């Protein structure tokens, strides 16, 4: 048996290197495109561009809310959420329209809106439905009959 006849020369198999390298690059790029399109888009808000264009208006609204001095304490016990609202003098705020929006920050599920009912002066309660485990954000908005408005949010994990 002649060993010299089985010697591999680089010139003979060089034509395979370029197509294989090209295929490897295509597979890697295809995987990156797939993961980029199927994962979280990175947006914290649905209309981030429009919100950015109206940033000065958002700052004015935040200043109005801070001037009111309203404080909201949000407490979650399972599916029950209790919101205690008080003014700058620590007096309970009655006659508020309290709504909550349940948001999954990583997306994948539609937002859910809940109306809370008053159970005592300054205390509002409502039941929320958590469809799956993971991180959630509850955005609570309280609007007064005199035009005052405040919002607060809390993040929590469900196992």
N, C-alpha and C. Protein backbone atom coordinates (compact mmCIF):
# COMPACT_ATOMS: atom_id res chain seq x y z
N UNK A 1 0.85 -1.17 0.00
CA UNK A 1 0.00 0.00 0.00
C UNK A 1 0.89 1.23 0.00
N UNK A 2 0.60 2.16 -0.86
CA UNK A 2 1.39 3.37 -1.01
C UNK A 2 0.74 4.50 -0.22
N UNK A 3 1.42 4.98 0.81
CA UNK A 3 0.90 6.05 1.68
C UNK A 3 0.93 7.39 0.95
N UNK A 4 1.84 7.56 0.06
CA UNK A 4 1.97 8.82 -0.64
C UNK A 4 0.76 9.13 -1.50
N UNK A 5 0.03 8.13 -1.94
CA UNK A 5 -1.14 8.33 -2.77
C UNK A 5 -2.33 8.90 -1.99
N UNK A 6 -2.35 8.77 -0.67
CA UNK A 6 -3.46 9.25 0.15
C UNK A 6 -3.19 10.62 0.77
N UNK A 7 -2.11 11.24 0.41
CA UNK A 7 -1.77 12.54 0.97
C UNK A 7 -2.76 13.61 0.48
N UNK A 8 -3.27 14.40 1.42
CA UNK A 8 -4.20 15.47 1.08
C UNK A 8 -3.42 16.75 0.80
N UNK A 9 -3.69 17.31 -0.30
CA UNK A 9 -3.02 18.58 -0.60
C UNK A 9 -4.03 19.70 -0.41
N UNK A 10 -3.61 20.84 0.10
CA UNK A 10 -4.53 21.95 0.33
C UNK A 10 -5.17 22.47 -0.94
N UNK A 11 -4.47 22.42 -2.04
CA UNK A 11 -5.02 22.93 -3.28
C UNK A 11 -6.21 22.11 -3.77
N UNK A 12 -6.20 20.82 -3.48
CA UNK A 12 -7.24 19.95 -4.00
C UNK A 12 -8.59 20.19 -3.31
N UNK A 13 -8.62 20.60 -2.05
CA UNK A 13 -9.87 20.77 -1.31
C UNK A 13 -10.17 22.24 -0.98
N UNK A 14 -9.43 23.13 -1.54
CA UNK A 14 -9.64 24.54 -1.26
C UNK A 14 -10.98 25.03 -1.78
N UNK A 15 -11.49 24.47 -2.82
CA UNK A 15 -12.77 24.90 -3.38
C UNK A 15 -13.93 24.64 -2.41
N UNK A 16 -13.75 23.73 -1.43
CA UNK A 16 -14.81 23.46 -0.43
C UNK A 16 -14.84 24.50 0.69
N UNK A 17 -13.75 25.17 0.95
CA UNK A 17 -13.65 26.09 2.08
C UNK A 17 -14.57 27.29 1.90
N UNK A 18 -14.57 27.90 0.74
CA UNK A 18 -15.37 29.11 0.52
C UNK A 18 -16.87 28.86 0.62
N UNK A 19 -17.42 27.85 -0.03
CA UNK A 19 -18.86 27.62 0.12
C UNK A 19 -19.26 27.26 1.55
N UNK A 20 -18.41 26.46 2.23
CA UNK A 20 -18.75 26.09 3.61
C UNK A 20 -18.70 27.31 4.54
N UNK A 21 -17.74 28.20 4.34
CA UNK A 21 -17.68 29.41 5.15
C UNK A 21 -18.88 30.30 4.87
N UNK A 22 -19.29 30.40 3.62
CA UNK A 22 -20.44 31.20 3.25
C UNK A 22 -21.72 30.63 3.87
N UNK A 23 -21.88 29.32 3.85
CA UNK A 23 -23.05 28.68 4.45
C UNK A 23 -23.06 28.92 5.97
N UNK A 24 -21.90 28.85 6.61
CA UNK A 24 -21.83 29.09 8.06
C UNK A 24 -22.26 30.52 8.39
N UNK A 25 -21.83 31.48 7.57
CA UNK A 25 -22.23 32.87 7.79
C UNK A 25 -23.72 33.05 7.59
N UNK A 26 -24.29 32.41 6.57
CA UNK A 26 -25.73 32.49 6.33
C UNK A 26 -26.53 31.89 7.48
N UNK A 27 -26.08 30.77 8.02
CA UNK A 27 -26.78 30.15 9.15
C UNK A 27 -26.72 31.05 10.38
N UNK A 28 -25.56 31.63 10.65
CA UNK A 28 -25.42 32.53 11.80
C UNK A 28 -26.30 33.76 11.65
N UNK A 29 -26.30 34.36 10.47
CA UNK A 29 -27.14 35.54 10.24
C UNK A 29 -28.62 35.19 10.31
N UNK A 30 -28.99 34.05 9.78
CA UNK A 30 -30.39 33.62 9.86
C UNK A 30 -30.84 33.44 11.30
N UNK A 31 -29.96 32.85 12.14
CA UNK A 31 -30.30 32.67 13.56
C UNK A 31 -30.45 34.02 14.24
N UNK A 32 -29.57 34.97 13.95
CA UNK A 32 -29.66 36.30 14.57
C UNK A 32 -30.93 37.02 14.14
N UNK A 33 -31.30 36.92 12.87
CA UNK A 33 -32.53 37.55 12.40
C UNK A 33 -33.74 36.92 13.07
N UNK A 34 -33.76 35.60 13.18
CA UNK A 34 -34.89 34.92 13.83
C UNK A 34 -35.04 35.39 15.27
N UNK A 35 -33.95 35.40 16.04
CA UNK A 35 -34.05 35.80 17.45
C UNK A 35 -34.40 37.28 17.59
N UNK A 36 -33.95 38.10 16.68
CA UNK A 36 -34.29 39.53 16.74
C UNK A 36 -35.77 39.76 16.48
N UNK A 37 -36.35 39.02 15.57
CA UNK A 37 -37.76 39.23 15.23
C UNK A 37 -38.71 38.53 16.19
N UNK A 38 -38.27 37.48 16.87
CA UNK A 38 -39.18 36.72 17.72
C UNK A 38 -39.06 37.07 19.20
N UNK A 39 -38.19 37.98 19.56
CA UNK A 39 -38.01 38.31 20.97
C UNK A 39 -38.63 39.66 21.28
N UNK A 40 -38.44 40.13 22.51
CA UNK A 40 -39.00 41.39 22.99
C UNK A 40 -38.47 42.55 22.15
N UNK A 41 -39.34 43.45 21.69
CA UNK A 41 -38.90 44.53 20.81
C UNK A 41 -38.12 45.62 21.53
N UNK A 42 -38.14 45.64 22.86
CA UNK A 42 -37.39 46.64 23.59
C UNK A 42 -38.17 47.91 23.87
N UNK A 43 -39.44 47.97 23.50
CA UNK A 43 -40.25 49.16 23.74
C UNK A 43 -40.90 49.09 25.11
N UNK A 44 -40.78 50.13 25.88
CA UNK A 44 -41.42 50.17 27.19
C UNK A 44 -42.86 50.65 27.08
N UNK A 45 -43.18 51.39 26.03
CA UNK A 45 -44.52 51.93 25.82
C UNK A 45 -44.95 51.59 24.40
N UNK A 46 -46.26 51.50 24.21
CA UNK A 46 -46.78 51.16 22.89
C UNK A 46 -46.45 52.24 21.86
N UNK A 47 -46.57 53.49 22.23
CA UNK A 47 -46.33 54.60 21.30
C UNK A 47 -45.12 55.40 21.77
N UNK A 48 -43.97 54.76 21.82
CA UNK A 48 -42.78 55.39 22.38
C UNK A 48 -42.36 56.62 21.56
N UNK A 49 -42.47 56.55 20.27
CA UNK A 49 -42.06 57.69 19.43
C UNK A 49 -42.94 58.91 19.70
N UNK A 50 -44.26 58.72 19.71
CA UNK A 50 -45.17 59.84 19.97
C UNK A 50 -44.99 60.36 21.39
N UNK A 51 -44.76 59.46 22.33
CA UNK A 51 -44.52 59.89 23.71
C UNK A 51 -43.26 60.74 23.79
N UNK A 52 -42.24 60.37 23.06
CA UNK A 52 -41.01 61.14 23.05
C UNK A 52 -41.20 62.52 22.45
N UNK A 53 -42.02 62.62 21.43
CA UNK A 53 -42.30 63.92 20.80
C UNK A 53 -43.09 64.82 21.74
N UNK A 54 -43.88 64.23 22.63
CA UNK A 54 -44.71 65.01 23.55
C UNK A 54 -44.08 65.06 24.96
N UNK A 55 -42.78 64.94 25.03
CA UNK A 55 -42.11 64.84 26.32
C UNK A 55 -42.33 66.07 27.20
N UNK A 56 -42.33 67.25 26.62
CA UNK A 56 -42.56 68.47 27.41
C UNK A 56 -43.95 68.46 28.02
N UNK A 57 -44.93 67.96 27.28
CA UNK A 57 -46.29 67.85 27.82
C UNK A 57 -46.33 66.85 28.97
N UNK A 58 -45.60 65.76 28.84
CA UNK A 58 -45.53 64.76 29.92
C UNK A 58 -44.91 65.38 31.16
N UNK A 59 -43.88 66.20 30.99
CA UNK A 59 -43.26 66.85 32.15
C UNK A 59 -44.21 67.84 32.81
N UNK A 60 -45.00 68.58 32.02
CA UNK A 60 -45.98 69.51 32.60
C UNK A 60 -47.04 68.76 33.40
N UNK A 61 -47.51 67.61 32.86
CA UNK A 61 -48.49 66.81 33.60
C UNK A 61 -47.90 66.29 34.90
N UNK A 62 -46.65 65.88 34.85
CA UNK A 62 -46.00 65.38 36.06
C UNK A 62 -45.87 66.50 37.10
N UNK A 63 -45.56 67.71 36.66
CA UNK A 63 -45.47 68.85 37.58
C UNK A 63 -46.83 69.14 38.22
N UNK A 64 -47.92 69.07 37.42
CA UNK A 64 -49.27 69.27 37.98
C UNK A 64 -49.59 68.21 39.02
N UNK A 65 -49.23 66.95 38.73
CA UNK A 65 -49.48 65.88 39.70
C UNK A 65 -48.68 66.11 40.98
N UNK A 66 -47.42 66.49 40.85
CA UNK A 66 -46.60 66.74 42.03
C UNK A 66 -47.13 67.93 42.85
N UNK A 67 -47.69 68.94 42.17
CA UNK A 67 -48.24 70.09 42.88
C UNK A 67 -49.47 69.71 43.71
N UNK A 68 -50.24 68.72 43.23
CA UNK A 68 -51.40 68.26 44.01
C UNK A 68 -50.96 67.61 45.32
N UNK A 69 -49.86 66.89 45.29
CA UNK A 69 -49.36 66.23 46.50
C UNK A 69 -50.10 64.95 46.85
N UNK A 70 -50.86 64.41 45.93
CA UNK A 70 -51.58 63.17 46.22
C UNK A 70 -50.59 62.02 46.34
N UNK A 71 -50.92 61.13 47.28
CA UNK A 71 -50.10 59.93 47.47
C UNK A 71 -51.00 58.71 47.39
N UNK A 72 -50.52 57.69 46.71
CA UNK A 72 -51.27 56.44 46.62
C UNK A 72 -50.39 55.29 47.11
N UNK A 73 -50.96 54.50 47.97
CA UNK A 73 -50.29 53.31 48.48
C UNK A 73 -51.00 52.10 47.86
N UNK A 74 -50.27 51.30 47.13
CA UNK A 74 -50.85 50.14 46.45
C UNK A 74 -50.39 48.88 47.17
N UNK A 75 -51.35 48.05 47.54
CA UNK A 75 -51.05 46.80 48.23
C UNK A 75 -51.74 45.66 47.48
N UNK A 76 -50.98 44.62 47.14
CA UNK A 76 -51.54 43.47 46.44
C UNK A 76 -51.45 42.25 47.34
N UNK A 77 -52.58 41.56 47.48
CA UNK A 77 -52.64 40.31 48.23
C UNK A 77 -53.30 39.27 47.32
N UNK A 78 -52.47 38.53 46.60
CA UNK A 78 -53.00 37.58 45.63
C UNK A 78 -53.61 38.33 44.45
N UNK A 79 -54.90 38.07 44.20
CA UNK A 79 -55.59 38.75 43.11
C UNK A 79 -56.28 40.03 43.56
N UNK A 80 -56.31 40.31 44.85
CA UNK A 80 -56.95 41.52 45.36
C UNK A 80 -55.93 42.65 45.49
N UNK A 81 -56.32 43.81 45.00
CA UNK A 81 -55.46 45.00 45.07
C UNK A 81 -56.21 46.08 45.83
N UNK A 82 -55.53 46.69 46.79
CA UNK A 82 -56.10 47.78 47.56
C UNK A 82 -55.25 49.03 47.34
N UNK A 83 -55.93 50.13 47.06
CA UNK A 83 -55.26 51.41 46.84
C UNK A 83 -55.78 52.38 47.89
N UNK A 84 -54.85 52.99 48.63
CA UNK A 84 -55.21 54.03 49.60
C UNK A 84 -54.69 55.35 49.06
N UNK A 85 -55.61 56.28 48.87
CA UNK A 85 -55.26 57.59 48.30
C UNK A 85 -55.47 58.67 49.35
N UNK A 86 -54.48 59.57 49.43
CA UNK A 86 -54.60 60.68 50.37
C UNK A 86 -53.99 61.94 49.74
N UNK A 87 -54.46 63.07 50.24
CA UNK A 87 -53.97 64.34 49.71
C UNK A 87 -52.68 64.75 50.42
N UNK A 88 -52.22 65.97 50.15
CA UNK A 88 -50.96 66.43 50.72
C UNK A 88 -51.02 66.56 52.24
N UNK A 89 -52.24 66.75 52.80
CA UNK A 89 -52.41 66.86 54.25
C UNK A 89 -52.69 65.50 54.89
N UNK A 90 -52.49 64.42 54.16
CA UNK A 90 -52.70 63.05 54.61
C UNK A 90 -54.16 62.74 54.93
N UNK A 91 -55.09 63.46 54.30
CA UNK A 91 -56.51 63.17 54.44
C UNK A 91 -56.94 62.25 53.31
N UNK A 92 -57.85 61.31 53.59
CA UNK A 92 -58.28 60.38 52.53
C UNK A 92 -58.99 61.11 51.40
N UNK A 93 -58.71 60.68 50.19
CA UNK A 93 -59.35 61.25 49.00
C UNK A 93 -60.55 60.39 48.61
N UNK A 94 -61.72 60.99 48.67
CA UNK A 94 -62.94 60.27 48.30
C UNK A 94 -63.38 60.73 46.91
N UNK A 95 -64.33 60.02 46.37
CA UNK A 95 -64.92 60.34 45.06
C UNK A 95 -63.89 60.37 43.94
N UNK A 96 -62.99 59.40 43.93
CA UNK A 96 -62.03 59.28 42.84
C UNK A 96 -62.48 58.18 41.89
N UNK A 97 -62.12 58.33 40.66
CA UNK A 97 -62.32 57.28 39.66
C UNK A 97 -60.97 56.58 39.52
N UNK A 98 -60.87 55.38 40.09
CA UNK A 98 -59.59 54.66 40.12
C UNK A 98 -59.64 53.51 39.13
N UNK A 99 -58.71 53.52 38.21
CA UNK A 99 -58.57 52.42 37.25
C UNK A 99 -57.15 51.90 37.31
N UNK A 100 -56.99 50.65 36.94
CA UNK A 100 -55.66 50.04 36.92
C UNK A 100 -55.48 49.31 35.60
N UNK A 101 -54.27 49.40 35.09
CA UNK A 101 -53.92 48.70 33.85
C UNK A 101 -52.83 47.70 34.20
N UNK A 102 -53.09 46.44 33.92
CA UNK A 102 -52.13 45.37 34.17
C UNK A 102 -51.32 45.16 32.90
N UNK A 103 -50.00 45.35 33.01
CA UNK A 103 -49.11 45.31 31.85
C UNK A 103 -48.02 44.28 32.11
N UNK A 104 -47.72 43.52 31.10
CA UNK A 104 -46.56 42.63 31.17
C UNK A 104 -45.42 43.35 30.45
N UNK A 105 -44.38 43.80 31.20
CA UNK A 105 -43.34 44.63 30.59
C UNK A 105 -42.62 43.99 29.40
N UNK A 106 -42.54 42.67 29.37
CA UNK A 106 -41.84 42.02 28.26
C UNK A 106 -42.76 41.74 27.09
N UNK A 107 -44.00 42.18 27.17
CA UNK A 107 -44.93 42.00 26.06
C UNK A 107 -45.48 40.59 25.98
N UNK A 108 -46.14 40.29 24.90
CA UNK A 108 -46.66 38.95 24.69
C UNK A 108 -48.11 38.77 25.10
N UNK A 109 -48.61 39.61 25.98
CA UNK A 109 -50.01 39.52 26.37
C UNK A 109 -50.62 40.92 26.29
N UNK A 110 -51.89 40.99 25.93
CA UNK A 110 -52.53 42.32 25.87
C UNK A 110 -52.72 42.91 27.27
N UNK A 111 -52.70 44.22 27.34
CA UNK A 111 -52.94 44.91 28.61
C UNK A 111 -54.38 44.70 29.03
N UNK A 112 -54.59 44.65 30.34
CA UNK A 112 -55.94 44.49 30.90
C UNK A 112 -56.25 45.67 31.80
N UNK A 113 -57.47 46.19 31.67
CA UNK A 113 -57.90 47.35 32.45
C UNK A 113 -58.95 46.94 33.47
N UNK A 114 -58.81 47.45 34.69
CA UNK A 114 -59.74 47.12 35.77
C UNK A 114 -60.22 48.42 36.43
N UNK A 115 -61.49 48.45 36.81
CA UNK A 115 -62.06 49.57 37.56
C UNK A 115 -62.10 49.15 39.03
N UNK A 116 -61.66 50.04 39.90
CA UNK A 116 -61.69 49.77 41.34
C UNK A 116 -62.89 50.49 41.94
N UNK A 117 -63.40 49.92 43.03
CA UNK A 117 -64.55 50.51 43.70
C UNK A 117 -64.14 51.01 45.08
N UNK A 118 -64.85 52.02 45.54
CA UNK A 118 -64.56 52.59 46.85
C UNK A 118 -65.18 51.72 47.94
N UNK A 119 -64.39 51.36 48.94
CA UNK A 119 -64.88 50.55 50.06
C UNK A 119 -64.87 51.34 51.36
N UNK A 120 -64.13 52.43 51.40
CA UNK A 120 -64.06 53.32 52.57
C UNK A 120 -63.50 54.64 52.06
N UNK A 121 -63.60 55.71 52.84
CA UNK A 121 -63.04 56.99 52.39
C UNK A 121 -61.54 56.85 52.09
N UNK A 122 -61.18 57.09 50.85
CA UNK A 122 -59.78 57.02 50.43
C UNK A 122 -59.26 55.63 50.14
N UNK A 123 -60.11 54.62 50.28
CA UNK A 123 -59.67 53.24 50.04
C UNK A 123 -60.47 52.64 48.90
N UNK A 124 -59.75 52.11 47.92
CA UNK A 124 -60.36 51.53 46.72
C UNK A 124 -59.81 50.13 46.54
N UNK A 125 -60.65 49.24 46.09
CA UNK A 125 -60.21 47.85 45.93
C UNK A 125 -60.75 47.27 44.63
N UNK A 126 -60.05 46.30 44.14
CA UNK A 126 -60.46 45.61 42.92
C UNK A 126 -59.73 44.29 42.80
N UNK A 127 -60.31 43.42 42.00
CA UNK A 127 -59.72 42.11 41.78
C UNK A 127 -59.12 42.07 40.37
N UNK A 128 -57.89 41.61 40.29
CA UNK A 128 -57.22 41.50 39.00
C UNK A 128 -57.00 40.03 38.68
N UNK A 129 -56.85 39.73 37.42
CA UNK A 129 -56.61 38.36 36.98
C UNK A 129 -55.21 38.30 36.38
N UNK A 130 -54.38 37.44 36.94
CA UNK A 130 -53.02 37.26 36.45
C UNK A 130 -52.97 36.02 35.57
N UNK A 131 -52.89 36.18 34.25
CA UNK A 131 -53.03 35.05 33.35
C UNK A 131 -51.87 34.07 33.35
N UNK A 132 -50.66 34.51 33.72
CA UNK A 132 -49.52 33.61 33.70
C UNK A 132 -48.45 34.11 34.65
N UNK A 133 -47.53 33.23 35.04
CA UNK A 133 -46.45 33.67 35.92
C UNK A 133 -45.48 34.60 35.19
N UNK A 134 -44.73 35.35 35.98
CA UNK A 134 -43.73 36.25 35.42
C UNK A 134 -43.80 37.62 36.05
N UNK A 135 -43.13 38.57 35.43
CA UNK A 135 -43.10 39.95 35.94
C UNK A 135 -44.29 40.72 35.38
N UNK A 136 -44.94 41.48 36.26
CA UNK A 136 -46.10 42.29 35.88
C UNK A 136 -45.95 43.69 36.45
N UNK A 137 -46.62 44.63 35.81
CA UNK A 137 -46.64 46.01 36.30
C UNK A 137 -48.10 46.44 36.38
N UNK A 138 -48.49 46.97 37.52
CA UNK A 138 -49.84 47.47 37.72
C UNK A 138 -49.76 49.00 37.76
N UNK A 139 -50.36 49.63 36.75
CA UNK A 139 -50.36 51.09 36.65
C UNK A 139 -51.73 51.60 37.10
N UNK A 140 -51.75 52.33 38.20
CA UNK A 140 -52.99 52.81 38.80
C UNK A 140 -53.12 54.30 38.51
N UNK A 141 -54.30 54.68 38.01
CA UNK A 141 -54.59 56.08 37.70
C UNK A 141 -55.81 56.49 38.52
N UNK A 142 -55.69 57.58 39.27
CA UNK A 142 -56.80 58.11 40.07
C UNK A 142 -57.15 59.49 39.54
N UNK A 143 -58.43 59.66 39.18
CA UNK A 143 -58.90 60.95 38.67
C UNK A 143 -59.99 61.46 39.59
N UNK A 144 -59.84 62.71 40.01
CA UNK A 144 -60.82 63.32 40.89
C UNK A 144 -61.94 63.99 40.12
N UNK A 145 -63.05 64.23 40.80
CA UNK A 145 -64.18 64.89 40.16
C UNK A 145 -63.88 66.36 39.88
N UNK A 146 -62.93 66.94 40.61
CA UNK A 146 -62.55 68.34 40.40
C UNK A 146 -61.45 68.49 39.35
N UNK A 147 -61.03 67.41 38.74
CA UNK A 147 -60.04 67.49 37.67
C UNK A 147 -58.65 67.06 38.06
N UNK A 148 -58.40 66.76 39.31
CA UNK A 148 -57.07 66.31 39.70
C UNK A 148 -56.81 64.89 39.18
N UNK A 149 -55.55 64.61 38.95
CA UNK A 149 -55.19 63.30 38.41
C UNK A 149 -53.82 62.91 38.96
N UNK A 150 -53.69 61.64 39.33
CA UNK A 150 -52.40 61.12 39.80
C UNK A 150 -52.27 59.68 39.33
N UNK A 151 -51.04 59.27 39.17
CA UNK A 151 -50.81 57.88 38.80
C UNK A 151 -49.63 57.33 39.59
N UNK A 152 -49.65 56.04 39.74
CA UNK A 152 -48.60 55.33 40.47
C UNK A 152 -48.52 53.93 39.88
N UNK A 153 -47.39 53.28 40.00
CA UNK A 153 -47.28 51.92 39.51
C UNK A 153 -46.47 51.07 40.47
N UNK A 154 -46.69 49.78 40.40
CA UNK A 154 -45.94 48.83 41.20
C UNK A 154 -45.65 47.62 40.32
N UNK A 155 -44.42 47.10 40.45
CA UNK A 155 -44.03 45.88 39.73
C UNK A 155 -43.98 44.74 40.71
N UNK A 156 -44.35 43.57 40.24
CA UNK A 156 -44.32 42.39 41.08
C UNK A 156 -44.10 41.16 40.22
N UNK A 157 -43.70 40.09 40.89
CA UNK A 157 -43.47 38.81 40.22
C UNK A 157 -44.51 37.80 40.67
N UNK A 158 -44.96 37.00 39.74
CA UNK A 158 -45.90 35.93 40.04
C UNK A 158 -45.20 34.62 39.72
N UNK A 159 -45.20 33.72 40.67
CA UNK A 159 -44.55 32.41 40.46
C UNK A 159 -45.57 31.36 40.13
